[in-house]
Protein backbone atom coordinates (compact mmCIF):
# COMPACT_ATOMS: atom_id res chain seq x y z
CA MET A 1 85.52 170.51 132.09
CA ARG A 2 85.31 166.96 132.90
CA ILE A 3 87.96 164.49 131.63
CA ARG A 4 86.74 160.90 130.98
CA ASP A 5 88.94 158.30 132.18
CA ASN A 6 87.90 155.25 130.07
CA LYS A 7 90.00 152.20 130.56
CA GLY A 8 89.82 149.33 127.95
CA PHE A 9 89.78 148.84 124.31
CA THR A 10 87.49 150.47 121.68
CA LEU A 11 85.44 148.32 119.31
CA ILE A 12 87.69 149.30 116.38
CA GLU A 13 90.84 148.14 118.26
CA LEU A 14 89.20 144.76 119.13
CA LEU A 15 88.07 144.24 115.42
CA ILE A 16 91.71 144.90 114.26
CA VAL A 17 93.09 142.43 116.65
CA VAL A 18 90.48 139.63 115.64
CA ALA A 19 91.29 140.43 111.99
CA ILE A 20 95.01 139.87 112.58
CA ILE A 21 94.28 136.71 114.40
CA GLY A 22 92.15 135.41 111.59
CA ILE A 23 94.89 136.18 109.06
CA ILE A 24 97.52 134.48 111.03
CA ALA A 25 95.17 131.42 111.48
CA ALA A 26 94.47 131.31 107.66
CA ILE A 27 98.21 131.13 107.10
CA ALA A 28 98.98 128.47 109.80
CA VAL A 29 95.98 126.00 109.30
CA PRO A 30 97.11 124.52 105.91
CA GLY A 31 100.59 123.80 107.40
CA LEU A 32 99.07 122.17 110.38
CA LEU A 33 96.80 119.92 108.27
CA SER A 34 99.81 118.96 106.11
CA ALA A 35 101.68 118.05 109.21
CA ARG A 36 98.74 115.92 110.43
CA ARG A 37 98.60 114.02 107.11
CA SER A 38 102.36 113.49 107.25
CA GLY A 39 102.14 112.08 110.79
CA ASN A 40 99.19 109.82 109.85
CA GLU A 41 101.29 108.57 106.82
CA ALA A 42 104.23 107.96 109.11
CA SER A 43 102.09 105.96 111.50
CA ALA A 44 100.71 103.90 108.59
CA ILE A 45 104.21 102.92 107.39
CA GLY A 46 105.08 102.06 111.01
CA SER A 47 101.98 99.84 111.37
CA LEU A 48 102.99 97.95 108.06
CA ARG A 49 106.52 97.59 109.34
CA ALA A 50 105.26 96.14 112.65
CA ILE A 51 103.00 93.79 110.85
CA SER A 52 105.82 92.65 108.57
CA SER A 53 108.33 92.00 111.45
CA SER A 54 105.53 90.21 113.51
CA GLN A 55 104.66 87.97 110.57
CA GLN A 56 108.35 87.04 110.22
CA ALA A 57 108.58 86.34 113.92
CA PHE A 58 105.37 84.30 113.74
CA ALA A 59 106.73 82.21 110.88
CA SER A 60 110.04 81.46 112.38
CA THR A 61 108.98 80.71 115.91
CA CYS A 62 105.99 78.31 115.56
CA ALA A 63 104.35 78.29 112.08
CA ASN A 64 107.33 76.44 110.24
CA GLY A 65 107.65 79.18 107.66
CA PHE A 66 103.87 79.85 107.27
CA TYR A 67 102.18 83.18 108.28
CA SER A 68 99.02 84.33 110.08
CA SER A 69 96.08 85.18 108.01
CA ALA A 70 94.54 87.65 110.46
CA LEU A 71 95.77 90.49 112.67
CA THR A 72 93.95 89.11 115.60
CA GLN A 73 95.79 85.86 115.38
CA LEU A 74 99.15 87.72 115.73
CA ALA A 75 97.78 89.26 118.96
CA ILE A 76 97.63 86.10 120.72
CA ALA A 77 100.44 85.37 123.14
CA PRO A 78 102.39 82.29 122.34
CA PRO A 79 101.45 79.17 124.58
CA THR A 80 105.10 78.82 125.60
CA GLY A 81 104.94 82.44 127.16
CA GLY A 82 106.05 85.81 126.19
CA ALA A 83 104.44 88.71 124.61
CA PRO A 84 102.11 88.52 121.47
CA PHE A 85 103.67 89.07 118.03
CA ILE A 86 101.94 92.32 117.39
CA SER A 87 100.79 95.16 119.73
CA PRO A 88 97.25 95.21 121.12
CA ASP A 89 96.17 98.35 119.09
CA LEU A 90 96.93 96.61 115.72
CA GLY A 91 95.60 93.15 116.81
CA ALA A 92 92.29 94.38 118.10
CA ALA A 93 90.36 93.29 115.01
CA ASP A 94 90.93 92.08 111.47
CA SER A 95 90.46 95.61 110.09
CA VAL A 96 92.04 98.38 112.35
CA ASN A 97 91.60 102.11 112.12
CA LYS A 98 94.72 103.81 113.33
CA SER A 99 95.80 107.33 113.03
CA GLY A 100 93.59 108.20 110.01
CA TYR A 101 94.29 104.89 108.18
CA THR A 102 92.58 101.50 107.89
CA VAL A 103 94.96 98.64 108.13
CA ILE A 104 94.03 95.27 106.83
CA LEU A 105 96.00 91.85 106.65
CA ALA A 106 94.97 89.34 103.93
CA ALA A 107 96.15 86.05 102.37
CA GLY A 108 98.16 86.45 99.15
CA SER A 109 96.60 84.97 95.96
CA ASP A 110 99.62 82.70 95.32
CA GLY A 111 99.61 81.28 98.75
CA ALA A 112 98.85 77.77 99.98
CA ALA A 113 97.29 76.74 103.26
CA ALA A 114 99.40 74.82 105.73
CA THR A 115 98.76 71.21 106.57
CA LEU A 116 100.79 71.15 109.71
CA ASP A 117 99.81 71.25 113.34
CA ALA A 118 98.15 74.37 114.88
CA CYS A 119 100.35 77.23 115.86
CA ASN A 120 99.68 79.52 118.63
CA GLY A 121 96.15 78.45 118.77
CA VAL A 122 95.70 79.08 115.03
CA ALA A 123 94.34 76.11 113.10
CA ALA A 124 96.70 74.73 110.40
CA GLY A 125 94.04 75.63 107.62
CA SER A 126 94.40 79.27 108.70
CA LEU A 127 98.10 79.45 108.19
CA ILE A 128 99.17 80.71 104.71
CA SER A 129 102.40 80.83 102.66
CA SER A 130 101.99 84.41 101.42
CA TRP A 131 100.19 87.55 102.79
CA TYR A 132 99.86 91.23 102.15
CA ALA A 133 98.78 94.17 104.31
CA THR A 134 97.21 97.50 103.17
CA ALA A 135 96.96 100.89 104.83
CA ASP A 136 94.33 103.15 103.17
CA PRO A 137 93.40 106.56 104.22
CA ILE A 138 90.01 106.79 106.03
CA THR A 139 89.22 110.04 104.26
CA PRO A 140 91.44 110.33 101.25
CA GLY A 141 93.08 113.75 100.99
CA SER A 142 92.23 114.72 104.53
CA THR A 143 93.74 111.96 106.74
CA GLY A 144 96.20 110.84 104.22
CA THR A 145 97.12 111.27 100.47
CA ARG A 146 98.99 108.09 99.77
CA TYR A 147 98.00 104.34 100.06
CA PHE A 148 100.48 101.87 101.44
CA TRP A 149 101.08 98.20 100.84
CA VAL A 150 103.53 95.50 102.14
CA GLY A 151 103.87 91.87 101.07
CA THR A 152 105.56 88.68 102.18
CA LEU A 153 108.96 89.96 100.98
CA GLY A 154 108.74 92.96 103.26
CA THR A 155 108.94 95.90 100.85
CA ILE A 156 106.62 98.59 101.48
CA PHE A 157 105.12 100.49 98.67
CA ALA A 158 103.27 103.82 98.36
CA ASP A 159 100.82 104.90 95.74
CA ALA A 160 98.63 107.89 95.29
CA THR A 161 95.78 106.03 93.52
CA GLY A 162 95.25 103.13 95.89
CA ALA A 163 94.91 100.53 93.05
CA ILE A 164 95.94 97.47 94.81
CA GLY A 165 93.90 94.58 93.74
CA SER A 166 92.80 91.60 95.78
CA ASP A 167 94.91 89.00 93.74
CA VAL A 168 98.12 90.20 95.35
CA GLY A 169 100.69 87.54 95.74
CA ALA A 170 104.06 87.19 97.48
CA ASP A 171 106.13 88.57 94.62
CA ASP A 172 103.69 91.03 93.14
CA ALA A 173 104.28 94.84 93.07
CA PRO A 174 100.83 96.05 92.41
CA GLY A 175 101.97 99.53 91.66
CA GLY A 176 103.43 102.39 93.44
CA ASN A 177 106.90 103.24 94.59
CA PRO A 178 108.99 101.18 97.13
CA ILE A 179 109.84 103.29 100.14
CA GLN A 180 111.77 100.77 102.06
């Protein structure tokens, strides 16, 4: 009688292992997606904080209390030397996609244009007295579930509907809950 010496796994054993891996993956994937959304939302909040602090620095150093109307203007290094007011990843364009969110800076509806000299290469007519910035998820529900907003006063708001109008001013709270 001949004894077979087979080394390896049978097809049934391999199918059982694949099924167990599939079950574990089905349990883990929703948690991983939720963690990614939370990370994207934290990045959006951080971007809005960076914009708010850079606007305050811009206004206090060379704009005599006025603010920049575009992210690209904040990315310009001051003529007196030093670093730009905002990081290159946020100042690359007027609308920036970062970590699953679209970040935009705009002039507030109750603002007035400056009539002073140019600041940091920005013409006086482009300087404004109020501003707001928004961070909207690129794919709502997937890259993020909340919409974020910050205005001239520096309070960051979060809202699940994203109903932030274009007539936002310095003192407006267009909805949502303050998170800062």
